[in-house]
Amino acid sequence: MSGDAEAADRFLSRVAERQAREPALSGLQAGLVVAAEEGIATDSRSFARIFDVAHALVLRELNDLTEPGGPLEIIRRDARTMRVHYAVRNTDPDRSVTGNP
């Protein structure tokens, strides 16, 4: 198995795990979160291009994921390109900076 195929399998496994933990997430939403966690894509246009998804769909799902309490936060928006830069919102106390639960 090539490195790209292994990386794709690993990504899809992480997406499936995320959906199992959070069944309310769509596959696209889980993919956005995992891509941000892995540093694969941290802006909407890059995600849309990498995964061959319409940018409008990515923007719609990002709106849900960046609501208060959502797993992602918007870092900045580019009005000209409609590109939205986002990052993982660290709200999990088990992932504290000090490492203490």
PDB file of N, CA and C in Angstrom:
ATOM      1  N   MET A   1       0.858  -1.182   0.000  1.00  0.00           N
ATOM      2  CA  MET A   1       0.000   0.000   0.000  1.00  0.00           C
ATOM      3  C   MET A   1       0.898   1.237   0.000  1.00  0.00           C
ATOM      4  N   SER A   2       0.592   2.174  -0.836  1.00  0.00           N
ATOM      5  CA  SER A   2       1.406   3.384  -0.934  1.00  0.00           C
ATOM      6  C   SER A   2       1.163   4.300   0.261  1.00  0.00           C
ATOM      7  N   GLY A   3       2.055   5.251   0.435  1.00  0.00           N
ATOM      8  CA  GLY A   3       1.923   6.206   1.532  1.00  0.00           C
ATOM      9  C   GLY A   3       0.651   7.026   1.444  1.00  0.00           C
ATOM     10  N   ASP A   4       0.284   7.424   0.222  1.00  0.00           N
ATOM     11  CA  ASP A   4      -0.947   8.201   0.044  1.00  0.00           C
ATOM     12  C   ASP A   4      -2.172   7.382   0.416  1.00  0.00           C
ATOM     13  N   ALA A   5      -2.178   6.114   0.027  1.00  0.00           N
ATOM     14  CA  ALA A   5      -3.316   5.249   0.348  1.00  0.00           C
ATOM     15  C   ALA A   5      -3.406   5.017   1.853  1.00  0.00           C
ATOM     16  N   GLU A   6      -2.257   4.848   2.494  1.00  0.00           N
ATOM     17  CA  GLU A   6      -2.243   4.668   3.951  1.00  0.00           C
ATOM     18  C   GLU A   6      -2.737   5.924   4.650  1.00  0.00           C
ATOM     19  N   ALA A   7      -2.306   7.083   4.172  1.00  0.00           N
ATOM     20  CA  ALA A   7      -2.751   8.350   4.764  1.00  0.00           C
ATOM     21  C   ALA A   7      -4.252   8.525   4.579  1.00  0.00           C
ATOM     22  N   ALA A   8      -4.753   8.165   3.412  1.00  0.00           N
ATOM     23  CA  ALA A   8      -6.197   8.269   3.158  1.00  0.00           C
ATOM     24  C   ALA A   8      -6.971   7.329   4.068  1.00  0.00           C
ATOM     25  N   ASP A   9      -6.476   6.101   4.226  1.00  0.00           N
ATOM     26  CA  ASP A   9      -7.140   5.141   5.120  1.00  0.00           C
ATOM     27  C   ASP A   9      -7.141   5.646   6.560  1.00  0.00           C
ATOM     28  N   ARG A  10      -6.013   6.208   6.986  1.00  0.00           N
ATOM     29  CA  ARG A  10      -5.904   6.749   8.347  1.00  0.00           C
ATOM     30  C   ARG A  10      -6.892   7.896   8.544  1.00  0.00           C
ATOM     31  N   PHE A  11      -6.977   8.777   7.551  1.00  0.00           N
ATOM     32  CA  PHE A  11      -7.907   9.906   7.622  1.00  0.00           C
ATOM     33  C   PHE A  11      -9.346   9.409   7.715  1.00  0.00           C
ATOM     34  N   LEU A  12      -9.721   8.484   6.847  1.00  0.00           N
ATOM     35  CA  LEU A  12     -11.091   7.961   6.850  1.00  0.00           C
ATOM     36  C   LEU A  12     -11.413   7.238   8.152  1.00  0.00           C
ATOM     37  N   SER A  13     -10.428   6.558   8.728  1.00  0.00           N
ATOM     38  CA  SER A  13     -10.635   5.903  10.029  1.00  0.00           C
ATOM     39  C   SER A  13     -10.895   6.933  11.120  1.00  0.00           C
ATOM     40  N   ARG A  14     -10.122   8.020  11.099  1.00  0.00           N
ATOM     41  CA  ARG A  14     -10.323   9.082  12.087  1.00  0.00           C
ATOM     42  C   ARG A  14     -11.682   9.743  11.920  1.00  0.00           C
ATOM     43  N   VAL A  15     -12.124   9.928  10.674  1.00  0.00           N
ATOM     44  CA  VAL A  15     -13.445  10.506  10.415  1.00  0.00           C
ATOM     45  C   VAL A  15     -14.524   9.583  10.977  1.00  0.00           C
ATOM     46  N   ALA A  16     -14.396   8.287  10.739  1.00  0.00           N
ATOM     47  CA  ALA A  16     -15.377   7.317  11.246  1.00  0.00           C
ATOM     48  C   ALA A  16     -15.389   7.305  12.772  1.00  0.00           C
ATOM     49  N   GLU A  17     -14.213   7.385  13.394  1.00  0.00           N
ATOM     50  CA  GLU A  17     -14.130   7.437  14.860  1.00  0.00           C
ATOM     51  C   GLU A  17     -14.823   8.686  15.395  1.00  0.00           C
ATOM     52  N   ARG A  18     -14.591   9.824  14.739  1.00  0.00           N
ATOM     53  CA  ARG A  18     -15.201  11.088  15.173  1.00  0.00           C
ATOM     54  C   ARG A  18     -16.720  10.993  15.079  1.00  0.00           C
ATOM     55  N   GLN A  19     -17.219  10.419  13.987  1.00  0.00           N
ATOM     56  CA  GLN A  19     -18.665  10.271  13.832  1.00  0.00           C
ATOM     57  C   GLN A  19     -19.237   9.309  14.863  1.00  0.00           C
ATOM     58  N   ALA A  20     -18.490   8.282  15.228  1.00  0.00           N
ATOM     59  CA  ALA A  20     -18.964   7.337  16.242  1.00  0.00           C
ATOM     60  C   ALA A  20     -19.075   8.032  17.600  1.00  0.00           C
ATOM     61  N   ARG A  21     -18.119   8.922  17.903  1.00  0.00           N
ATOM     62  CA  ARG A  21     -18.152   9.664  19.173  1.00  0.00           C
ATOM     63  C   ARG A  21     -19.198  10.762  19.168  1.00  0.00           C
ATOM     64  N   GLU A  22     -19.422  11.362  18.000  1.00  0.00           N
ATOM     65  CA  GLU A  22     -20.357  12.480  17.863  1.00  0.00           C
ATOM     66  C   GLU A  22     -21.304  12.194  16.703  1.00  0.00           C
ATOM     67  N   PRO A  23     -22.327  11.364  16.936  1.00  0.00           N
ATOM     68  CA  PRO A  23     -23.216  10.943  15.849  1.00  0.00           C
ATOM     69  C   PRO A  23     -23.969  12.084  15.164  1.00  0.00           C
ATOM     70  N   ALA A  24     -24.067  13.234  15.790  1.00  0.00           N
ATOM     71  CA  ALA A  24     -24.769  14.362  15.167  1.00  0.00           C
ATOM     72  C   ALA A  24     -23.968  14.964  14.010  1.00  0.00           C
ATOM     73  N   LEU A  25     -22.671  14.673  13.936  1.00  0.00           N
ATOM     74  CA  LEU A  25     -21.839  15.219  12.863  1.00  0.00           C
ATOM     75  C   LEU A  25     -22.084  14.473  11.560  1.00  0.00           C
ATOM     76  N   SER A  26     -22.184  15.226  10.480  1.00  0.00           N
ATOM     77  CA  SER A  26     -22.238  14.604   9.152  1.00  0.00           C
ATOM     78  C   SER A  26     -20.826  14.131   8.796  1.00  0.00           C
ATOM     79  N   GLY A  27     -20.721  13.355   7.747  1.00  0.00           N
ATOM     80  CA  GLY A  27     -19.405  12.917   7.294  1.00  0.00           C
ATOM     81  C   GLY A  27     -18.526  14.089   6.902  1.00  0.00           C
ATOM     82  N   LEU A  28     -19.119  15.076   6.243  1.00  0.00           N
ATOM     83  CA  LEU A  28     -18.370  16.260   5.836  1.00  0.00           C
ATOM     84  C   LEU A  28     -17.906  17.053   7.056  1.00  0.00           C
ATOM     85  N   GLN A  29     -18.771  17.200   8.044  1.00  0.00           N
ATOM     86  CA  GLN A  29     -18.390  17.919   9.264  1.00  0.00           C
ATOM     87  C   GLN A  29     -17.264  17.191   9.992  1.00  0.00           C
ATOM     88  N   ALA A  30     -17.380  15.886  10.136  1.00  0.00           N
ATOM     89  CA  ALA A  30     -16.324  15.112  10.791  1.00  0.00           C
ATOM     90  C   ALA A  30     -15.022  15.248  10.010  1.00  0.00           C
ATOM     91  N   GLY A  31     -15.102  15.249   8.685  1.00  0.00           N
ATOM     92  CA  GLY A  31     -13.915  15.429   7.860  1.00  0.00           C
ATOM     93  C   GLY A  31     -13.264  16.783   8.062  1.00  0.00           C
ATOM     94  N   LEU A  32     -14.060  17.828   8.186  1.00  0.00           N
ATOM     95  CA  LEU A  32     -13.521  19.167   8.440  1.00  0.00           C
ATOM     96  C   LEU A  32     -12.780  19.221   9.775  1.00  0.00           C
ATOM     97  N   VAL A  33     -13.361  18.616  10.799  1.00  0.00           N
ATOM     98  CA  VAL A  33     -12.734  18.628  12.124  1.00  0.00           C
ATOM     99  C   VAL A  33     -11.426  17.848  12.094  1.00  0.00           C
ATOM    100  N   VAL A  34     -11.455  16.649  11.536  1.00  0.00           N
ATOM    101  CA  VAL A  34     -10.246  15.819  11.481  1.00  0.00           C
ATOM    102  C   VAL A  34      -9.172  16.492  10.628  1.00  0.00           C
ATOM    103  N   ALA A  35      -9.547  17.079   9.509  1.00  0.00           N
ATOM    104  CA  ALA A  35      -8.575  17.773   8.662  1.00  0.00           C
ATOM    105  C   ALA A  35      -7.918  18.926   9.417  1.00  0.00           C
ATOM    106  N   ALA A  36      -8.685  19.634  10.234  1.00  0.00           N
ATOM    107  CA  ALA A  36      -8.114  20.721  11.042  1.00  0.00           C
ATOM    108  C   ALA A  36      -7.186  20.156  12.113  1.00  0.00           C
ATOM    109  N   GLU A  37      -7.605  19.086  12.777  1.00  0.00           N
ATOM    110  CA  GLU A  37      -6.774  18.467  13.816  1.00  0.00           C
ATOM    111  C   GLU A  37      -5.451  17.958  13.252  1.00  0.00           C
ATOM    112  N   GLU A  38      -5.497  17.411  12.048  1.00  0.00           N
ATOM    113  CA  GLU A  38      -4.307  16.826  11.425  1.00  0.00           C
ATOM    114  C   GLU A  38      -3.479  17.843  10.642  1.00  0.00           C
ATOM    115  N   GLY A  39      -3.983  19.069  10.500  1.00  0.00           N
ATOM    116  CA  GLY A  39      -3.271  20.078   9.728  1.00  0.00           C
ATOM    117  C   GLY A  39      -3.338  19.834   8.224  1.00  0.00           C
ATOM    118  N   ILE A  40      -4.308  19.037   7.790  1.00  0.00           N
ATOM    119  CA  ILE A  40      -4.472  18.732   6.369  1.00  0.00           C
ATOM    120  C   ILE A  40      -5.045  19.935   5.633  1.00  0.00           C
ATOM    121  N   ALA A  41      -6.027  20.575   6.232  1.00  0.00           N
ATOM    122  CA  ALA A  41      -6.649  21.765   5.642  1.00  0.00           C
ATOM    123  C   ALA A  41      -7.192  22.620   6.775  1.00  0.00           C
ATOM    124  N   THR A  42      -6.827  23.903   6.761  1.00  0.00           N
ATOM    125  CA  THR A  42      -7.312  24.822   7.791  1.00  0.00           C
ATOM    126  C   THR A  42      -8.007  26.033   7.174  1.00  0.00           C
ATOM    127  N   ASP A  43      -8.380  25.898   5.907  1.00  0.00           N
ATOM    128  CA  ASP A  43      -9.219  26.923   5.292  1.00  0.00           C
ATOM    129  C   ASP A  43     -10.191  26.237   4.343  1.00  0.00           C
ATOM    130  N   SER A  44     -11.304  26.891   4.131  1.00  0.00           N
ATOM    131  CA  SER A  44     -12.421  26.283   3.406  1.00  0.00           C
ATOM    132  C   SER A  44     -12.093  25.948   1.953  1.00  0.00           C
ATOM    133  N   ARG A  45     -11.385  26.807   1.266  1.00  0.00           N
ATOM    134  CA  ARG A  45     -11.065  26.551  -0.146  1.00  0.00           C
ATOM    135  C   ARG A  45     -10.098  25.380  -0.289  1.00  0.00           C
ATOM    136  N   SER A  46      -9.112  25.293   0.590  1.00  0.00           N
ATOM    137  CA  SER A  46      -8.175  24.166   0.531  1.00  0.00           C
ATOM    138  C   SER A  46      -8.898  22.856   0.779  1.00  0.00           C
ATOM    139  N   PHE A  47      -9.767  22.830   1.780  1.00  0.00           N
ATOM    140  CA  PHE A  47     -10.523  21.608   2.056  1.00  0.00           C
ATOM    141  C   PHE A  47     -11.362  21.224   0.839  1.00  0.00           C
ATOM    142  N   ALA A  48     -12.054  22.198   0.261  1.00  0.00           N
ATOM    143  CA  ALA A  48     -12.906  21.929  -0.900  1.00  0.00           C
ATOM    144  C   ALA A  48     -12.088  21.378  -2.071  1.00  0.00           C
ATOM    145  N   ARG A  49     -10.902  21.939  -2.290  1.00  0.00           N
ATOM    146  CA  ARG A  49     -10.058  21.492  -3.397  1.00  0.00           C
ATOM    147  C   ARG A  49      -9.492  20.099  -3.133  1.00  0.00           C
ATOM    148  N   ILE A  50      -8.948  19.873  -1.933  1.00  0.00           N
ATOM    149  CA  ILE A  50      -8.331  18.586  -1.599  1.00  0.00           C
ATOM    150  C   ILE A  50      -9.335  17.446  -1.686  1.00  0.00           C
ATOM    151  N   PHE A  51     -10.539  17.687  -1.178  1.00  0.00           N
ATOM    152  CA  PHE A  51     -11.531  16.616  -1.096  1.00  0.00           C
ATOM    153  C   PHE A  51     -12.584  16.690  -2.200  1.00  0.00           C
ATOM    154  N   ASP A  52     -12.374  17.594  -3.163  1.00  0.00           N
ATOM    155  CA  ASP A  52     -13.252  17.718  -4.324  1.00  0.00           C
ATOM    156  C   ASP A  52     -14.722  17.866  -3.915  1.00  0.00           C
ATOM    157  N   VAL A  53     -14.951  18.850  -3.048  1.00  0.00           N
ATOM    158  CA  VAL A  53     -16.294  19.158  -2.542  1.00  0.00           C
ATOM    159  C   VAL A  53     -16.593  20.611  -2.914  1.00  0.00           C
ATOM    160  N   ALA A  54     -17.820  20.908  -3.236  1.00  0.00           N
ATOM    161  CA  ALA A  54     -18.195  22.288  -3.556  1.00  0.00           C
ATOM    162  C   ALA A  54     -17.901  23.205  -2.364  1.00  0.00           C
ATOM    163  N   HIS A  55     -17.275  24.336  -2.652  1.00  0.00           N
ATOM    164  CA  HIS A  55     -16.916  25.278  -1.596  1.00  0.00           C
ATOM    165  C   HIS A  55     -18.142  25.735  -0.814  1.00  0.00           C
ATOM    166  N   ALA A  56     -19.256  25.917  -1.480  1.00  0.00           N
ATOM    167  CA  ALA A  56     -20.488  26.344  -0.794  1.00  0.00           C
ATOM    168  C   ALA A  56     -20.916  25.327   0.262  1.00  0.00           C
ATOM    169  N   LEU A  57     -20.751  24.043  -0.024  1.00  0.00           N
ATOM    170  CA  LEU A  57     -21.097  23.012   0.969  1.00  0.00           C
ATOM    171  C   LEU A  57     -20.164  23.080   2.172  1.00  0.00           C
ATOM    172  N   VAL A  58     -18.887  23.299   1.907  1.00  0.00           N
ATOM    173  CA  VAL A  58     -17.914  23.413   2.998  1.00  0.00           C
ATOM    174  C   VAL A  58     -18.265  24.609   3.878  1.00  0.00           C
ATOM    175  N   LEU A  59     -18.591  25.743   3.270  1.00  0.00           N
ATOM    176  CA  LEU A  59     -18.956  26.936   4.043  1.00  0.00           C
ATOM    177  C   LEU A  59     -20.190  26.681   4.903  1.00  0.00           C
ATOM    178  N   ARG A  60     -21.177  25.996   4.339  1.00  0.00           N
ATOM    179  CA  ARG A  60     -22.399  25.703   5.096  1.00  0.00           C
ATOM    180  C   ARG A  60     -22.086  24.839   6.319  1.00  0.00           C
ATOM    181  N   GLU A  61     -21.276  23.812   6.136  1.00  0.00           N
ATOM    182  CA  GLU A  61     -20.937  22.930   7.254  1.00  0.00           C
ATOM    183  C   GLU A  61     -20.074  23.654   8.284  1.00  0.00           C
ATOM    184  N   LEU A  62     -19.176  24.523   7.813  1.00  0.00           N
ATOM    185  CA  LEU A  62     -18.349  25.305   8.743  1.00  0.00           C
ATOM    186  C   LEU A  62     -19.206  26.206   9.622  1.00  0.00           C
ATOM    187  N   ASN A  63     -20.264  26.763   9.067  1.00  0.00           N
ATOM    188  CA  ASN A  63     -21.152  27.607   9.871  1.00  0.00           C
ATOM    189  C   ASN A  63     -21.697  26.835  11.061  1.00  0.00           C
ATOM    190  N   ASP A  64     -22.104  25.595  10.841  1.00  0.00           N
ATOM    191  CA  ASP A  64     -22.610  24.776  11.949  1.00  0.00           C
ATOM    192  C   ASP A  64     -21.507  24.449  12.949  1.00  0.00           C
ATOM    193  N   LEU A  65     -20.317  24.131  12.453  1.00  0.00           N
ATOM    194  CA  LEU A  65     -19.217  23.705  13.323  1.00  0.00           C
ATOM    195  C   LEU A  65     -18.619  24.842  14.141  1.00  0.00           C
ATOM    196  N   THR A  66     -18.843  26.084  13.725  1.00  0.00           N
ATOM    197  CA  THR A  66     -18.256  27.224  14.438  1.00  0.00           C
ATOM    198  C   THR A  66     -19.264  27.955  15.319  1.00  0.00           C
ATOM    199  N   GLU A  67     -20.447  27.370  15.471  1.00  0.00           N
ATOM    200  CA  GLU A  67     -21.420  27.922  16.421  1.00  0.00           C
ATOM    201  C   GLU A  67     -20.820  27.847  17.827  1.00  0.00           C
ATOM    202  N   PRO A  68     -21.305  28.650  18.782  1.00  0.00           N
ATOM    203  CA  PRO A  68     -20.808  28.553  20.156  1.00  0.00           C
ATOM    204  C   PRO A  68     -20.890  27.107  20.654  1.00  0.00           C
ATOM    205  N   GLY A  69     -19.785  26.638  21.204  1.00  0.00           N
ATOM    206  CA  GLY A  69     -19.712  25.264  21.687  1.00  0.00           C
ATOM    207  C   GLY A  69     -19.315  24.269  20.618  1.00  0.00           C
ATOM    208  N   GLY A  70     -19.186  24.726  19.371  1.00  0.00           N
ATOM    209  CA  GLY A  70     -18.789  23.839  18.277  1.00  0.00           C
ATOM    210  C   GLY A  70     -17.304  23.522  18.339  1.00  0.00           C
ATOM    211  N   PRO A  71     -16.863  22.514  17.605  1.00  0.00           N
ATOM    212  CA  PRO A  71     -15.470  22.079  17.688  1.00  0.00           C
ATOM    213  C   PRO A  71     -14.466  22.967  16.953  1.00  0.00           C
ATOM    214  N   LEU A  72     -14.940  23.854  16.079  1.00  0.00           N
ATOM    215  CA  LEU A  72     -14.035  24.714  15.324  1.00  0.00           C
ATOM    216  C   LEU A  72     -14.334  26.182  15.597  1.00  0.00           C
ATOM    217  N   GLU A  73     -13.324  27.021  15.353  1.00  0.00           N
ATOM    218  CA  GLU A  73     -13.524  28.464  15.453  1.00  0.00           C
ATOM    219  C   GLU A  73     -12.955  29.127  14.205  1.00  0.00           C
ATOM    220  N   ILE A  74     -13.588  30.206  13.795  1.00  0.00           N
ATOM    221  CA  ILE A  74     -13.124  30.951  12.626  1.00  0.00           C
ATOM    222  C   ILE A  74     -11.995  31.872  13.059  1.00  0.00           C
ATOM    223  N   ILE A  75     -10.900  31.793  12.334  1.00  0.00           N
ATOM    224  CA  ILE A  75      -9.729  32.633  12.609  1.00  0.00           C
ATOM    225  C   ILE A  75      -9.827  33.935  11.824  1.00  0.00           C
ATOM    226  N   ARG A  76     -10.152  33.820  10.538  1.00  0.00           N
ATOM    227  CA  ARG A  76     -10.361  35.010   9.710  1.00  0.00           C
ATOM    228  C   ARG A  76     -11.098  34.641   8.437  1.00  0.00           C
ATOM    229  N   ARG A  77     -11.650  35.674   7.799  1.00  0.00           N
ATOM    230  CA  ARG A  77     -12.386  35.509   6.538  1.00  0.00           C
ATOM    231  C   ARG A  77     -11.770  36.422   5.487  1.00  0.00           C
ATOM    232  N   ASP A  78     -11.738  35.948   4.265  1.00  0.00           N
ATOM    233  CA  ASP A  78     -11.302  36.756   3.131  1.00  0.00           C
ATOM    234  C   ASP A  78     -12.547  37.062   2.302  1.00  0.00           C
ATOM    235  N   ALA A  79     -13.001  38.298   2.347  1.00  0.00           N
ATOM    236  CA  ALA A  79     -14.244  38.683   1.671  1.00  0.00           C
ATOM    237  C   ALA A  79     -14.146  38.530   0.155  1.00  0.00           C
ATOM    238  N   ARG A  80     -12.973  38.755  -0.407  1.00  0.00           N
ATOM    239  CA  ARG A  80     -12.817  38.672  -1.860  1.00  0.00           C
ATOM    240  C   ARG A  80     -12.953  37.237  -2.362  1.00  0.00           C
ATOM    241  N   THR A  81     -12.303  36.283  -1.694  1.00  0.00           N
ATOM    242  CA  THR A  81     -12.315  34.889  -2.162  1.00  0.00           C
ATOM    243  C   THR A  81     -13.344  34.031  -1.438  1.00  0.00           C
ATOM    244  N   MET A  82     -13.931  34.587  -0.382  1.00  0.00           N
ATOM    245  CA  MET A  82     -14.866  33.856   0.485  1.00  0.00           C
ATOM    246  C   MET A  82     -14.183  32.705   1.229  1.00  0.00           C
ATOM    247  N   ARG A  83     -12.857  32.736   1.291  1.00  0.00           N
ATOM    248  CA  ARG A  83     -12.094  31.717   2.015  1.00  0.00           C
ATOM    249  C   ARG A  83     -12.241  31.973   3.509  1.00  0.00           C
ATOM    250  N   VAL A  84     -12.527  30.924   4.259  1.00  0.00           N
ATOM    251  CA  VAL A  84     -12.652  31.012   5.707  1.00  0.00           C
ATOM    252  C   VAL A  84     -11.534  30.181   6.324  1.00  0.00           C
ATOM    253  N   HIS A  85     -10.728  30.822   7.165  1.00  0.00           N
ATOM    254  CA  HIS A  85      -9.656  30.121   7.876  1.00  0.00           C
ATOM    255  C   HIS A  85     -10.202  29.711   9.242  1.00  0.00           C
ATOM    256  N   TYR A  86      -9.942  28.478   9.631  1.00  0.00           N
ATOM    257  CA  TYR A  86     -10.513  27.952  10.869  1.00  0.00           C
ATOM    258  C   TYR A  86      -9.484  27.113  11.614  1.00  0.00           C
ATOM    259  N   ALA A  87      -9.770  26.871  12.890  1.00  0.00           N
ATOM    260  CA  ALA A  87      -8.898  26.053  13.736  1.00  0.00           C
ATOM    261  C   ALA A  87      -9.756  25.290  14.729  1.00  0.00           C
ATOM    262  N   VAL A  88      -9.151  24.291  15.329  1.00  0.00           N
ATOM    263  CA  VAL A  88      -9.837  23.501  16.346  1.00  0.00           C
ATOM    264  C   VAL A  88      -9.977  24.348  17.600  1.00  0.00           C
ATOM    265  N   ARG A  89     -11.168  24.355  18.157  1.00  0.00           N
ATOM    266  CA  ARG A  89     -11.432  25.053  19.416  1.00  0.00           C
ATOM    267  C   ARG A  89     -11.137  24.063  20.534  1.00  0.00           C
ATOM    268  N   ASN A  90     -10.210  24.399  21.410  1.00  0.00           N
ATOM    269  CA  ASN A  90      -9.848  23.493  22.496  1.00  0.00           C
ATOM    270  C   ASN A  90     -10.764  23.729  23.690  1.00  0.00           C
ATOM    271  N   THR A  91     -11.801  22.912  23.795  1.00  0.00           N
ATOM    272  CA  THR A  91     -12.733  23.016  24.922  1.00  0.00           C
ATOM    273  C   THR A  91     -12.708  21.763  25.771  1.00  0.00           C
ATOM    274  N   ASP A  92     -11.850  20.796  25.407  1.00  0.00           N
ATOM    275  CA  ASP A  92     -11.774  19.524  26.120  1.00  0.00           C
ATOM    276  C   ASP A  92     -10.816  19.667  27.295  1.00  0.00           C
ATOM    277  N   PRO A  93     -11.299  19.547  28.545  1.00  0.00           N
ATOM    278  CA  PRO A  93     -10.412  19.710  29.693  1.00  0.00           C
ATOM    279  C   PRO A  93      -9.328  18.642  29.747  1.00  0.00           C
ATOM    280  N   ASP A  94      -9.526  17.495  29.097  1.00  0.00           N
ATOM    281  CA  ASP A  94      -8.507  16.450  29.076  1.00  0.00           C
ATOM    282  C   ASP A  94      -7.341  16.808  28.166  1.00  0.00           C
ATOM    283  N   ARG A  95      -7.499  17.842  27.342  1.00  0.00           N
ATOM    284  CA  ARG A  95      -6.437  18.264  26.430  1.00  0.00           C
ATOM    285  C   ARG A  95      -5.871  19.607  26.870  1.00  0.00           C
ATOM    286  N   SER A  96      -5.765  19.809  28.163  1.00  0.00           N
ATOM    287  CA  SER A  96      -5.277  21.088  28.673  1.00  0.00           C
ATOM    288  C   SER A  96      -3.806  21.268  28.325  1.00  0.00           C
ATOM    289  N   VAL A  97      -3.363  22.511  28.359  1.00  0.00           N
ATOM    290  CA  VAL A  97      -1.985  22.836  28.016  1.00  0.00           C
ATOM    291  C   VAL A  97      -1.018  22.173  28.981  1.00  0.00           C
ATOM    292  N   THR A  98      -1.368  22.104  30.241  1.00  0.00           N
ATOM    293  CA  THR A  98      -0.466  21.522  31.229  1.00  0.00           C
ATOM    294  C   THR A  98      -0.454  20.009  31.187  1.00  0.00           C
ATOM    295  N   GLY A  99      -1.450  19.416  30.551  1.00  0.00           N
ATOM    296  CA  GLY A  99      -1.530  17.965  30.480  1.00  0.00           C
ATOM    297  C   GLY A  99      -2.236  17.353  31.668  1.00  0.00           C
ATOM    298  N   ASN A 100      -2.670  18.177  32.621  1.00  0.00           N
ATOM    299  CA  ASN A 100      -3.385  17.660  33.785  1.00  0.00           C
ATOM    300  C   ASN A 100      -4.854  17.493  33.453  1.00  0.00           C
ATOM    301  N   PRO A 101      -5.423  16.332  33.795  1.00  0.00           N
ATOM    302  CA  PRO A 101      -6.858  16.150  33.529  1.00  0.00           C
ATOM    303  C   PRO A 101      -7.739  17.036  34.364  1.00  0.00           C
TER     304      PRO A 101
END
